[in-house]
Amino acid sequence: MSNLPVVSAYQAIRAFEKIGYRQVRQRGSHIRLRDETNPNHLPLTVPNHKTLKPGLLRKLIRDAGLSVDEFSELLN
């Protein structure tokens, strides 16, 4: 497993959008993403922060059904 990249909420959302997630709503600083085309993808709640903490980012990646390496490729 590779190291977890340091990313902003904006970068993470753009990466998740590449695999089919779409923003469905925002309340305060939390952005809700959902992939209605793939039922295996859980809904994601991404806080709109400058950088996402490693534990939260790892959970978002896992809930999206990705590995850290796959997520890193989506960032490029």
PDB file of N, CA and C in Angstrom:
ATOM      1  N   MET A   1       0.853  -1.171   0.000  1.00  0.00           N
ATOM      2  CA  MET A   1       0.000   0.000   0.000  1.00  0.00           C
ATOM      3  C   MET A   1       0.898   1.232   0.000  1.00  0.00           C
ATOM      4  N   SER A   2       0.553   2.178  -0.819  1.00  0.00           N
ATOM      5  CA  SER A   2       1.361   3.395  -0.898  1.00  0.00           C
ATOM      6  C   SER A   2       0.907   4.402   0.155  1.00  0.00           C
ATOM      7  N   ASN A   3       1.700   5.443   0.290  1.00  0.00           N
ATOM      8  CA  ASN A   3       1.370   6.495   1.250  1.00  0.00           C
ATOM      9  C   ASN A   3       0.136   7.253   0.803  1.00  0.00           C
ATOM     10  N   LEU A   4      -0.614   7.706   1.762  1.00  0.00           N
ATOM     11  CA  LEU A   4      -1.825   8.468   1.497  1.00  0.00           C
ATOM     12  C   LEU A   4      -1.445   9.879   1.066  1.00  0.00           C
ATOM     13  N   PRO A   5      -1.973  10.363  -0.055  1.00  0.00           N
ATOM     14  CA  PRO A   5      -1.638  11.724  -0.484  1.00  0.00           C
ATOM     15  C   PRO A   5      -2.318  12.766   0.401  1.00  0.00           C
ATOM     16  N   VAL A   6      -1.733  13.942   0.476  1.00  0.00           N
ATOM     17  CA  VAL A   6      -2.338  15.064   1.193  1.00  0.00           C
ATOM     18  C   VAL A   6      -3.147  15.846   0.163  1.00  0.00           C
ATOM     19  N   VAL A   7      -4.462  15.897   0.351  1.00  0.00           N
ATOM     20  CA  VAL A   7      -5.325  16.547  -0.632  1.00  0.00           C
ATOM     21  C   VAL A   7      -6.324  17.464   0.059  1.00  0.00           C
ATOM     22  N   SER A   8      -6.829  18.414  -0.710  1.00  0.00           N
ATOM     23  CA  SER A   8      -7.895  19.291  -0.230  1.00  0.00           C
ATOM     24  C   SER A   8      -9.237  18.630  -0.529  1.00  0.00           C
ATOM     25  N   ALA A   9     -10.279  19.175   0.040  1.00  0.00           N
ATOM     26  CA  ALA A   9     -11.620  18.664  -0.231  1.00  0.00           C
ATOM     27  C   ALA A   9     -11.937  18.792  -1.716  1.00  0.00           C
ATOM     28  N   TYR A  10     -11.541  19.899  -2.328  1.00  0.00           N
ATOM     29  CA  TYR A  10     -11.800  20.123  -3.749  1.00  0.00           C
ATOM     30  C   TYR A  10     -11.145  19.030  -4.594  1.00  0.00           C
ATOM     31  N   GLN A  11      -9.887  18.700  -4.295  1.00  0.00           N
ATOM     32  CA  GLN A  11      -9.180  17.671  -5.059  1.00  0.00           C
ATOM     33  C   GLN A  11      -9.835  16.305  -4.868  1.00  0.00           C
ATOM     34  N   ALA A  12     -10.240  15.995  -3.650  1.00  0.00           N
ATOM     35  CA  ALA A  12     -10.879  14.711  -3.376  1.00  0.00           C
ATOM     36  C   ALA A  12     -12.214  14.605  -4.115  1.00  0.00           C
ATOM     37  N   ILE A  13     -12.998  15.661  -4.096  1.00  0.00           N
ATOM     38  CA  ILE A  13     -14.295  15.644  -4.776  1.00  0.00           C
ATOM     39  C   ILE A  13     -14.105  15.453  -6.270  1.00  0.00           C
ATOM     40  N   ARG A  14     -13.142  16.134  -6.867  1.00  0.00           N
ATOM     41  CA  ARG A  14     -12.877  15.979  -8.305  1.00  0.00           C
ATOM     42  C   ARG A  14     -12.481  14.539  -8.628  1.00  0.00           C
ATOM     43  N   ALA A  15     -11.696  13.917  -7.764  1.00  0.00           N
ATOM     44  CA  ALA A  15     -11.299  12.523  -7.982  1.00  0.00           C
ATOM     45  C   ALA A  15     -12.513  11.597  -7.894  1.00  0.00           C
ATOM     46  N   PHE A  16     -13.376  11.805  -6.902  1.00  0.00           N
ATOM     47  CA  PHE A  16     -14.560  10.958  -6.765  1.00  0.00           C
ATOM     48  C   PHE A  16     -15.541  11.179  -7.918  1.00  0.00           C
ATOM     49  N   GLU A  17     -15.588  12.374  -8.460  1.00  0.00           N
ATOM     50  CA  GLU A  17     -16.465  12.636  -9.606  1.00  0.00           C
ATOM     51  C   GLU A  17     -16.013  11.851 -10.835  1.00  0.00           C
ATOM     52  N   LYS A  18     -14.734  11.547 -10.934  1.00  0.00           N
ATOM     53  CA  LYS A  18     -14.221  10.779 -12.074  1.00  0.00           C
ATOM     54  C   LYS A  18     -14.747   9.351 -12.086  1.00  0.00           C
ATOM     55  N   ILE A  19     -15.160   8.827 -10.925  1.00  0.00           N
ATOM     56  CA  ILE A  19     -15.689   7.458 -10.887  1.00  0.00           C
ATOM     57  C   ILE A  19     -17.212   7.435 -10.773  1.00  0.00           C
ATOM     58  N   GLY A  20     -17.858   8.572 -10.953  1.00  0.00           N
ATOM     59  CA  GLY A  20     -19.313   8.590 -11.024  1.00  0.00           C
ATOM     60  C   GLY A  20     -20.045   9.297  -9.906  1.00  0.00           C
ATOM     61  N   TYR A  21     -19.355   9.747  -8.884  1.00  0.00           N
ATOM     62  CA  TYR A  21     -20.022  10.475  -7.801  1.00  0.00           C
ATOM     63  C   TYR A  21     -20.440  11.861  -8.279  1.00  0.00           C
ATOM     64  N   ARG A  22     -21.546  12.353  -7.741  1.00  0.00           N
ATOM     65  CA  ARG A  22     -22.039  13.693  -8.047  1.00  0.00           C
ATOM     66  C   ARG A  22     -22.419  14.383  -6.742  1.00  0.00           C
ATOM     67  N   GLN A  23     -22.256  15.697  -6.718  1.00  0.00           N
ATOM     68  CA  GLN A  23     -22.670  16.455  -5.541  1.00  0.00           C
ATOM     69  C   GLN A  23     -24.190  16.516  -5.525  1.00  0.00           C
ATOM     70  N   VAL A  24     -24.772  16.112  -4.407  1.00  0.00           N
ATOM     71  CA  VAL A  24     -26.231  16.153  -4.314  1.00  0.00           C
ATOM     72  C   VAL A  24     -26.712  17.274  -3.409  1.00  0.00           C
ATOM     73  N   ARG A  25     -25.875  17.676  -2.443  1.00  0.00           N
ATOM     74  CA  ARG A  25     -26.255  18.810  -1.604  1.00  0.00           C
ATOM     75  C   ARG A  25     -25.060  19.260  -0.782  1.00  0.00           C
ATOM     76  N   GLN A  26     -25.214  20.437  -0.204  1.00  0.00           N
ATOM     77  CA  GLN A  26     -24.207  20.962   0.708  1.00  0.00           C
ATOM     78  C   GLN A  26     -24.928  21.640   1.856  1.00  0.00           C
ATOM     79  N   ARG A  27     -24.459  21.358   3.052  1.00  0.00           N
ATOM     80  CA  ARG A  27     -25.023  22.008   4.230  1.00  0.00           C
ATOM     81  C   ARG A  27     -23.856  22.504   5.065  1.00  0.00           C
ATOM     82  N   GLY A  28     -23.723  23.795   5.151  1.00  0.00           N
ATOM     83  CA  GLY A  28     -22.580  24.366   5.855  1.00  0.00           C
ATOM     84  C   GLY A  28     -21.303  24.025   5.117  1.00  0.00           C
ATOM     85  N   SER A  29     -20.359  23.435   5.830  1.00  0.00           N
ATOM     86  CA  SER A  29     -19.085  23.108   5.203  1.00  0.00           C
ATOM     87  C   SER A  29     -18.998  21.638   4.803  1.00  0.00           C
ATOM     88  N   HIS A  30     -20.115  20.928   4.778  1.00  0.00           N
ATOM     89  CA  HIS A  30     -20.105  19.517   4.417  1.00  0.00           C
ATOM     90  C   HIS A  30     -20.800  19.308   3.076  1.00  0.00           C
ATOM     91  N   ILE A  31     -20.103  18.633   2.179  1.00  0.00           N
ATOM     92  CA  ILE A  31     -20.605  18.378   0.836  1.00  0.00           C
ATOM     93  C   ILE A  31     -20.957  16.901   0.740  1.00  0.00           C
ATOM     94  N   ARG A  32     -22.164  16.617   0.296  1.00  0.00           N
ATOM     95  CA  ARG A  32     -22.644  15.240   0.196  1.00  0.00           C
ATOM     96  C   ARG A  32     -22.521  14.777  -1.252  1.00  0.00           C
ATOM     97  N   LEU A  33     -21.883  13.612  -1.446  1.00  0.00           N
ATOM     98  CA  LEU A  33     -21.707  13.023  -2.771  1.00  0.00           C
ATOM     99  C   LEU A  33     -22.449  11.697  -2.828  1.00  0.00           C
ATOM    100  N   ARG A  34     -22.988  11.386  -4.001  1.00  0.00           N
ATOM    101  CA  ARG A  34     -23.688  10.113  -4.186  1.00  0.00           C
ATOM    102  C   ARG A  34     -23.433   9.609  -5.600  1.00  0.00           C
ATOM    103  N   ASP A  35     -23.293   8.297  -5.726  1.00  0.00           N
ATOM    104  CA  ASP A  35     -23.157   7.652  -7.032  1.00  0.00           C
ATOM    105  C   ASP A  35     -24.389   6.787  -7.232  1.00  0.00           C
ATOM    106  N   GLU A  36     -25.334   7.278  -8.014  1.00  0.00           N
ATOM    107  CA  GLU A  36     -26.589   6.563  -8.208  1.00  0.00           C
ATOM    108  C   GLU A  36     -26.470   5.469  -9.256  1.00  0.00           C
ATOM    109  N   THR A  37     -25.349   5.430  -9.996  1.00  0.00           N
ATOM    110  CA  THR A  37     -25.170   4.410 -11.028  1.00  0.00           C
ATOM    111  C   THR A  37     -24.587   3.126 -10.464  1.00  0.00           C
ATOM    112  N   ASN A  38     -23.942   3.183  -9.304  1.00  0.00           N
ATOM    113  CA  ASN A  38     -23.305   2.008  -8.717  1.00  0.00           C
ATOM    114  C   ASN A  38     -23.756   1.855  -7.263  1.00  0.00           C
ATOM    115  N   PRO A  39     -24.601   0.864  -6.971  1.00  0.00           N
ATOM    116  CA  PRO A  39     -25.097   0.703  -5.602  1.00  0.00           C
ATOM    117  C   PRO A  39     -24.017   0.264  -4.611  1.00  0.00           C
ATOM    118  N   ASN A  40     -22.858  -0.198  -5.099  1.00  0.00           N
ATOM    119  CA  ASN A  40     -21.767  -0.594  -4.198  1.00  0.00           C
ATOM    120  C   ASN A  40     -21.038   0.609  -3.621  1.00  0.00           C
ATOM    121  N   HIS A  41     -21.208   1.777  -4.223  1.00  0.00           N
ATOM    122  CA  HIS A  41     -20.576   2.995  -3.720  1.00  0.00           C
ATOM    123  C   HIS A  41     -21.476   3.613  -2.657  1.00  0.00           C
ATOM    124  N   LEU A  42     -20.952   3.759  -1.463  1.00  0.00           N
ATOM    125  CA  LEU A  42     -21.708   4.383  -0.378  1.00  0.00           C
ATOM    126  C   LEU A  42     -21.738   5.896  -0.561  1.00  0.00           C
ATOM    127  N   PRO A  43     -22.767   6.580  -0.050  1.00  0.00           N
ATOM    128  CA  PRO A  43     -22.759   8.045  -0.077  1.00  0.00           C
ATOM    129  C   PRO A  43     -21.580   8.566   0.740  1.00  0.00           C
ATOM    130  N   LEU A  44     -20.986   9.659   0.291  1.00  0.00           N
ATOM    131  CA  LEU A  44     -19.825  10.242   0.960  1.00  0.00           C
ATOM    132  C   LEU A  44     -20.156  11.640   1.451  1.00  0.00           C
ATOM    133  N   THR A  45     -19.682  11.982   2.628  1.00  0.00           N
ATOM    134  CA  THR A  45     -19.786  13.335   3.152  1.00  0.00           C
ATOM    135  C   THR A  45     -18.375  13.872   3.304  1.00  0.00           C
ATOM    136  N   VAL A  46     -18.055  14.902   2.526  1.00  0.00           N
ATOM    137  CA  VAL A  46     -16.705  15.463   2.512  1.00  0.00           C
ATOM    138  C   VAL A  46     -16.748  16.847   3.149  1.00  0.00           C
ATOM    139  N   PRO A  47     -15.989  17.065   4.231  1.00  0.00           N
ATOM    140  CA  PRO A  47     -15.930  18.410   4.807  1.00  0.00           C
ATOM    141  C   PRO A  47     -15.114  19.320   3.902  1.00  0.00           C
ATOM    142  N   ASN A  48     -15.563  20.531   3.719  1.00  0.00           N
ATOM    143  CA  ASN A  48     -14.894  21.470   2.816  1.00  0.00           C
ATOM    144  C   ASN A  48     -13.738  22.143   3.556  1.00  0.00           C
ATOM    145  N   HIS A  49     -12.638  21.394   3.731  1.00  0.00           N
ATOM    146  CA  HIS A  49     -11.460  21.888   4.431  1.00  0.00           C
ATOM    147  C   HIS A  49     -10.292  22.026   3.469  1.00  0.00           C
ATOM    148  N   LYS A  50      -9.286  22.803   3.871  1.00  0.00           N
ATOM    149  CA  LYS A  50      -8.096  22.971   3.029  1.00  0.00           C
ATOM    150  C   LYS A  50      -7.389  21.644   2.813  1.00  0.00           C
ATOM    151  N   THR A  51      -7.221  20.867   3.875  1.00  0.00           N
ATOM    152  CA  THR A  51      -6.648  19.523   3.751  1.00  0.00           C
ATOM    153  C   THR A  51      -7.490  18.557   4.563  1.00  0.00           C
ATOM    154  N   LEU A  52      -7.655  17.357   4.017  1.00  0.00           N
ATOM    155  CA  LEU A  52      -8.412  16.324   4.711  1.00  0.00           C
ATOM    156  C   LEU A  52      -7.453  15.498   5.556  1.00  0.00           C
ATOM    157  N   LYS A  53      -7.859  15.179   6.764  1.00  0.00           N
ATOM    158  CA  LYS A  53      -7.014  14.386   7.650  1.00  0.00           C
ATOM    159  C   LYS A  53      -6.898  12.960   7.106  1.00  0.00           C
ATOM    160  N   PRO A  54      -5.772  12.317   7.361  1.00  0.00           N
ATOM    161  CA  PRO A  54      -5.517  10.989   6.781  1.00  0.00           C
ATOM    162  C   PRO A  54      -6.575   9.941   7.114  1.00  0.00           C
ATOM    163  N   GLY A  55      -7.054   9.901   8.344  1.00  0.00           N
ATOM    164  CA  GLY A  55      -8.053   8.905   8.719  1.00  0.00           C
ATOM    165  C   GLY A  55      -9.357   9.084   7.961  1.00  0.00           C
ATOM    166  N   LEU A  56      -9.792  10.318   7.829  1.00  0.00           N
ATOM    167  CA  LEU A  56     -11.022  10.610   7.095  1.00  0.00           C
ATOM    168  C   LEU A  56     -10.858  10.288   5.617  1.00  0.00           C
ATOM    169  N   LEU A  57      -9.739  10.685   5.042  1.00  0.00           N
ATOM    170  CA  LEU A  57      -9.506  10.416   3.622  1.00  0.00           C
ATOM    171  C   LEU A  57      -9.477   8.913   3.362  1.00  0.00           C
ATOM    172  N   ARG A  58      -8.822   8.157   4.241  1.00  0.00           N
ATOM    173  CA  ARG A  58      -8.769   6.701   4.078  1.00  0.00           C
ATOM    174  C   ARG A  58     -10.181   6.102   4.141  1.00  0.00           C
ATOM    175  N   LYS A  59     -11.029   6.612   5.036  1.00  0.00           N
ATOM    176  CA  LYS A  59     -12.409   6.114   5.137  1.00  0.00           C
ATOM    177  C   LYS A  59     -13.207   6.452   3.883  1.00  0.00           C
ATOM    178  N   LEU A  60     -13.051   7.667   3.361  1.00  0.00           N
ATOM    179  CA  LEU A  60     -13.754   8.045   2.135  1.00  0.00           C
ATOM    180  C   LEU A  60     -13.334   7.153   0.969  1.00  0.00           C
ATOM    181  N   ILE A  61     -12.037   6.894   0.868  1.00  0.00           N
ATOM    182  CA  ILE A  61     -11.523   6.040  -0.208  1.00  0.00           C
ATOM    183  C   ILE A  61     -12.100   4.633  -0.078  1.00  0.00           C
ATOM    184  N   ARG A  62     -12.118   4.105   1.138  1.00  0.00           N
ATOM    185  CA  ARG A  62     -12.649   2.757   1.374  1.00  0.00           C
ATOM    186  C   ARG A  62     -14.144   2.704   1.060  1.00  0.00           C
ATOM    187  N   ASP A  63     -14.913   3.719   1.480  1.00  0.00           N
ATOM    188  CA  ASP A  63     -16.354   3.748   1.208  1.00  0.00           C
ATOM    189  C   ASP A  63     -16.654   3.848  -0.281  1.00  0.00           C
ATOM    190  N   ALA A  64     -15.748   4.444  -1.036  1.00  0.00           N
ATOM    191  CA  ALA A  64     -15.930   4.552  -2.483  1.00  0.00           C
ATOM    192  C   ALA A  64     -15.514   3.271  -3.197  1.00  0.00           C
ATOM    193  N   GLY A  65     -14.975   2.308  -2.451  1.00  0.00           N
ATOM    194  CA  GLY A  65     -14.582   1.037  -3.055  1.00  0.00           C
ATOM    195  C   GLY A  65     -13.257   1.110  -3.790  1.00  0.00           C
ATOM    196  N   LEU A  66     -12.393   2.020  -3.390  1.00  0.00           N
ATOM    197  CA  LEU A  66     -11.103   2.207  -4.049  1.00  0.00           C
ATOM    198  C   LEU A  66      -9.965   1.810  -3.121  1.00  0.00           C
ATOM    199  N   SER A  67      -8.798   1.596  -3.724  1.00  0.00           N
ATOM    200  CA  SER A  67      -7.575   1.459  -2.940  1.00  0.00           C
ATOM    201  C   SER A  67      -6.876   2.813  -2.949  1.00  0.00           C
ATOM    202  N   VAL A  68      -5.880   2.968  -2.099  1.00  0.00           N
ATOM    203  CA  VAL A  68      -5.128   4.223  -2.052  1.00  0.00           C
ATOM    204  C   VAL A  68      -4.431   4.464  -3.388  1.00  0.00           C
ATOM    205  N   ASP A  69      -3.900   3.397  -3.990  1.00  0.00           N
ATOM    206  CA  ASP A  69      -3.222   3.539  -5.285  1.00  0.00           C
ATOM    207  C   ASP A  69      -4.196   3.987  -6.373  1.00  0.00           C
ATOM    208  N   GLU A  70      -5.400   3.408  -6.393  1.00  0.00           N
ATOM    209  CA  GLU A  70      -6.400   3.801  -7.389  1.00  0.00           C
ATOM    210  C   GLU A  70      -6.802   5.262  -7.196  1.00  0.00           C
ATOM    211  N   PHE A  71      -6.962   5.668  -5.943  1.00  0.00           N
ATOM    212  CA  PHE A  71      -7.319   7.056  -5.665  1.00  0.00           C
ATOM    213  C   PHE A  71      -6.207   7.998  -6.120  1.00  0.00           C
ATOM    214  N   SER A  72      -4.958   7.622  -5.866  1.00  0.00           N
ATOM    215  CA  SER A  72      -3.821   8.454  -6.280  1.00  0.00           C
ATOM    216  C   SER A  72      -3.794   8.633  -7.790  1.00  0.00           C
ATOM    217  N   GLU A  73      -4.138   7.576  -8.531  1.00  0.00           N
ATOM    218  CA  GLU A  73      -4.189   7.679  -9.992  1.00  0.00           C
ATOM    219  C   GLU A  73      -5.284   8.638 -10.440  1.00  0.00           C
ATOM    220  N   LEU A  74      -6.409   8.658  -9.722  1.00  0.00           N
ATOM    221  CA  LEU A  74      -7.503   9.563 -10.078  1.00  0.00           C
ATOM    222  C   LEU A  74      -7.124  11.027  -9.867  1.00  0.00           C
ATOM    223  N   LEU A  75      -6.190  11.278  -8.970  1.00  0.00           N
ATOM    224  CA  LEU A  75      -5.768  12.659  -8.705  1.00  0.00           C
ATOM    225  C   LEU A  75      -4.978  13.238  -9.870  1.00  0.00           C
ATOM    226  N   ASN A  76      -4.368  12.382 -10.665  1.00  0.00           N
ATOM    227  CA  ASN A  76      -3.536  12.859 -11.789  1.00  0.00           C
ATOM    228  C   ASN A  76      -4.334  13.116 -13.031  1.00  0.00           C
TER     229      ASN A  76
END
